Amino acid sequence: MTTSLGAILLAAGLTTQYLHAQDVKTTTTTNSVGTITEFGGDRLLIRTEASPEPLSYSYSTTTTYVDETGAPVSIKTVKSGLPVTVYYTK
């Protein structure tokens, strides 16, 4: 399973609702904590204690990377072996 990233290490609103006629769709932002095992192309693999298999995320040029204080960092600082918290929207 691959999940698209909106931000790495960046807290976002917990719930956003979109109203379409009679349909109500809720988008929830959640997180995953682990260690980067692979980073490159448009994919990021994270090994977590909760999952026996690495979790796969896709990212784009609009993905935001920040450090633990919330300060923006360059994508060049993201590499395998680093602990990371990934915030994503389902």
C-alpha atoms as a PDB file:
ATOM      1  CA  MET A   1       0.000   0.000   0.000  1.00  0.00           C
ATOM      2  CA  THR A   2       1.342   3.436  -0.914  1.00  0.00           C
ATOM      3  CA  THR A   3       0.039   6.584   0.741  1.00  0.00           C
ATOM      4  CA  SER A   4       0.602  10.041  -0.695  1.00  0.00           C
ATOM      5  CA  LEU A   5       2.427  12.419   1.593  1.00  0.00           C
ATOM      6  CA  GLY A   6       1.332  15.945   2.228  1.00  0.00           C
ATOM      7  CA  ALA A   7       4.040  16.621   4.771  1.00  0.00           C
ATOM      8  CA  ILE A   8       6.798  14.923   6.680  1.00  0.00           C
ATOM      9  CA  LEU A   9       7.203  15.919  10.318  1.00  0.00           C
ATOM     10  CA  LEU A  10       4.604  18.644   9.906  1.00  0.00           C
ATOM     11  CA  ALA A  11       1.456  18.693  12.000  1.00  0.00           C
ATOM     12  CA  ALA A  12      -1.681  19.462  10.057  1.00  0.00           C
ATOM     13  CA  GLY A  13      -5.337  19.848  10.965  1.00  0.00           C
ATOM     14  CA  LEU A  14      -6.819  16.619  12.251  1.00  0.00           C
ATOM     15  CA  THR A  15     -10.016  16.601  10.255  1.00  0.00           C
ATOM     16  CA  THR A  16     -11.207  18.421   7.170  1.00  0.00           C
ATOM     17  CA  GLN A  17     -14.724  17.990   5.884  1.00  0.00           C
ATOM     18  CA  TYR A  18     -15.865  18.423   2.299  1.00  0.00           C
ATOM     19  CA  LEU A  19     -19.571  18.741   1.564  1.00  0.00           C
ATOM     20  CA  HIS A  20     -20.815  17.610  -1.857  1.00  0.00           C
ATOM     21  CA  ALA A  21     -24.577  17.742  -2.307  1.00  0.00           C
ATOM     22  CA  GLN A  22     -25.762  14.893  -0.092  1.00  0.00           C
ATOM     23  CA  ASP A  23     -22.332  13.304   0.352  1.00  0.00           C
ATOM     24  CA  VAL A  24     -20.143  14.101   3.348  1.00  0.00           C
ATOM     25  CA  LYS A  25     -16.512  13.048   3.008  1.00  0.00           C
ATOM     26  CA  THR A  26     -14.069  13.310   5.888  1.00  0.00           C
ATOM     27  CA  THR A  27     -10.314  13.404   5.380  1.00  0.00           C
ATOM     28  CA  THR A  28      -8.228  12.566   8.431  1.00  0.00           C
ATOM     29  CA  THR A  29      -4.571  13.395   8.890  1.00  0.00           C
ATOM     30  CA  THR A  30      -2.679  10.789  10.881  1.00  0.00           C
ATOM     31  CA  ASN A  31       0.950   9.891  11.475  1.00  0.00           C
ATOM     32  CA  SER A  32       3.439   7.065  11.359  1.00  0.00           C
ATOM     33  CA  VAL A  33       6.630   6.944  13.445  1.00  0.00           C
ATOM     34  CA  GLY A  34       9.639   4.908  12.376  1.00  0.00           C
ATOM     35  CA  THR A  35      12.985   4.866  10.602  1.00  0.00           C
ATOM     36  CA  ILE A  36      13.566   5.628   6.938  1.00  0.00           C
ATOM     37  CA  THR A  37      14.769   2.466   5.207  1.00  0.00           C
ATOM     38  CA  GLU A  38      14.674   3.773   1.636  1.00  0.00           C
ATOM     39  CA  PHE A  39      14.332   7.259   0.142  1.00  0.00           C
ATOM     40  CA  GLY A  40      14.481   8.138  -3.516  1.00  0.00           C
ATOM     41  CA  GLY A  41      12.579   8.603  -6.735  1.00  0.00           C
ATOM     42  CA  ASP A  42       9.122   9.436  -5.470  1.00  0.00           C
ATOM     43  CA  ARG A  43       8.986   6.839  -2.682  1.00  0.00           C
ATOM     44  CA  LEU A  44       9.804   6.722   1.004  1.00  0.00           C
ATOM     45  CA  LEU A  45       9.885   3.442   2.969  1.00  0.00           C
ATOM     46  CA  ILE A  46       9.480   3.562   6.744  1.00  0.00           C
ATOM     47  CA  ARG A  47      10.084   0.665   9.151  1.00  0.00           C
ATOM     48  CA  THR A  48       7.889   0.922  12.248  1.00  0.00           C
ATOM     49  CA  GLU A  49       7.535  -1.207  15.363  1.00  0.00           C
ATOM     50  CA  ALA A  50       3.799  -1.573  14.664  1.00  0.00           C
ATOM     51  CA  SER A  51       4.155  -3.089  11.171  1.00  0.00           C
ATOM     52  CA  PRO A  52       6.186  -6.170  10.181  1.00  0.00           C
ATOM     53  CA  GLU A  53       6.533  -4.830   6.619  1.00  0.00           C
ATOM     54  CA  PRO A  54       7.934  -1.387   5.713  1.00  0.00           C
ATOM     55  CA  LEU A  55       5.287   1.257   5.001  1.00  0.00           C
ATOM     56  CA  SER A  56       5.529   2.923   1.592  1.00  0.00           C
ATOM     57  CA  TYR A  57       4.700   6.590   0.979  1.00  0.00           C
ATOM     58  CA  SER A  58       4.882   8.663  -2.177  1.00  0.00           C
ATOM     59  CA  TYR A  59       5.906  12.309  -2.090  1.00  0.00           C
ATOM     60  CA  SER A  60       6.043  15.227  -4.493  1.00  0.00           C
ATOM     61  CA  THR A  61       7.563  18.655  -4.912  1.00  0.00           C
ATOM     62  CA  THR A  62       4.862  20.058  -2.609  1.00  0.00           C
ATOM     63  CA  THR A  63       5.808  17.755   0.294  1.00  0.00           C
ATOM     64  CA  THR A  64       7.071  19.748   3.281  1.00  0.00           C
ATOM     65  CA  TYR A  65      10.078  18.609   5.324  1.00  0.00           C
ATOM     66  CA  VAL A  66      10.677  20.039   8.802  1.00  0.00           C
ATOM     67  CA  ASP A  67      12.827  19.185  11.803  1.00  0.00           C
ATOM     68  CA  GLU A  68      11.536  18.330  15.281  1.00  0.00           C
ATOM     69  CA  THR A  69      11.126  22.032  16.108  1.00  0.00           C
ATOM     70  CA  GLY A  70       9.012  22.673  13.013  1.00  0.00           C
ATOM     71  CA  ALA A  71      11.725  24.559  11.124  1.00  0.00           C
ATOM     72  CA  PRO A  72      11.838  23.778   7.375  1.00  0.00           C
ATOM     73  CA  VAL A  73      14.742  21.620   6.184  1.00  0.00           C
ATOM     74  CA  SER A  74      16.066  20.762   2.751  1.00  0.00           C
ATOM     75  CA  ILE A  75      15.058  17.489   1.112  1.00  0.00           C
ATOM     76  CA  LYS A  76      18.823  16.841   0.949  1.00  0.00           C
ATOM     77  CA  THR A  77      18.802  16.152   4.715  1.00  0.00           C
ATOM     78  CA  VAL A  78      16.319  13.273   4.344  1.00  0.00           C
ATOM     79  CA  LYS A  79      18.118   9.916   4.068  1.00  0.00           C
ATOM     80  CA  SER A  80      17.966   6.270   5.067  1.00  0.00           C
ATOM     81  CA  GLY A  81      18.551   5.484   8.717  1.00  0.00           C
ATOM     82  CA  LEU A  82      16.963   8.647  10.115  1.00  0.00           C
ATOM     83  CA  PRO A  83      14.104   8.483  12.604  1.00  0.00           C
ATOM     84  CA  VAL A  84      11.035  10.206  11.176  1.00  0.00           C
ATOM     85  CA  THR A  85       7.411  11.019  11.836  1.00  0.00           C
ATOM     86  CA  VAL A  86       5.296  11.045   8.692  1.00  0.00           C
ATOM     87  CA  TYR A  87       2.015  12.957   8.737  1.00  0.00           C
ATOM     88  CA  TYR A  88      -0.284  11.970   5.925  1.00  0.00           C
ATOM     89  CA  THR A  89      -3.865  12.303   4.779  1.00  0.00           C
ATOM     90  CA  LYS A  90      -6.004   9.301   3.934  1.00  0.00           C
END
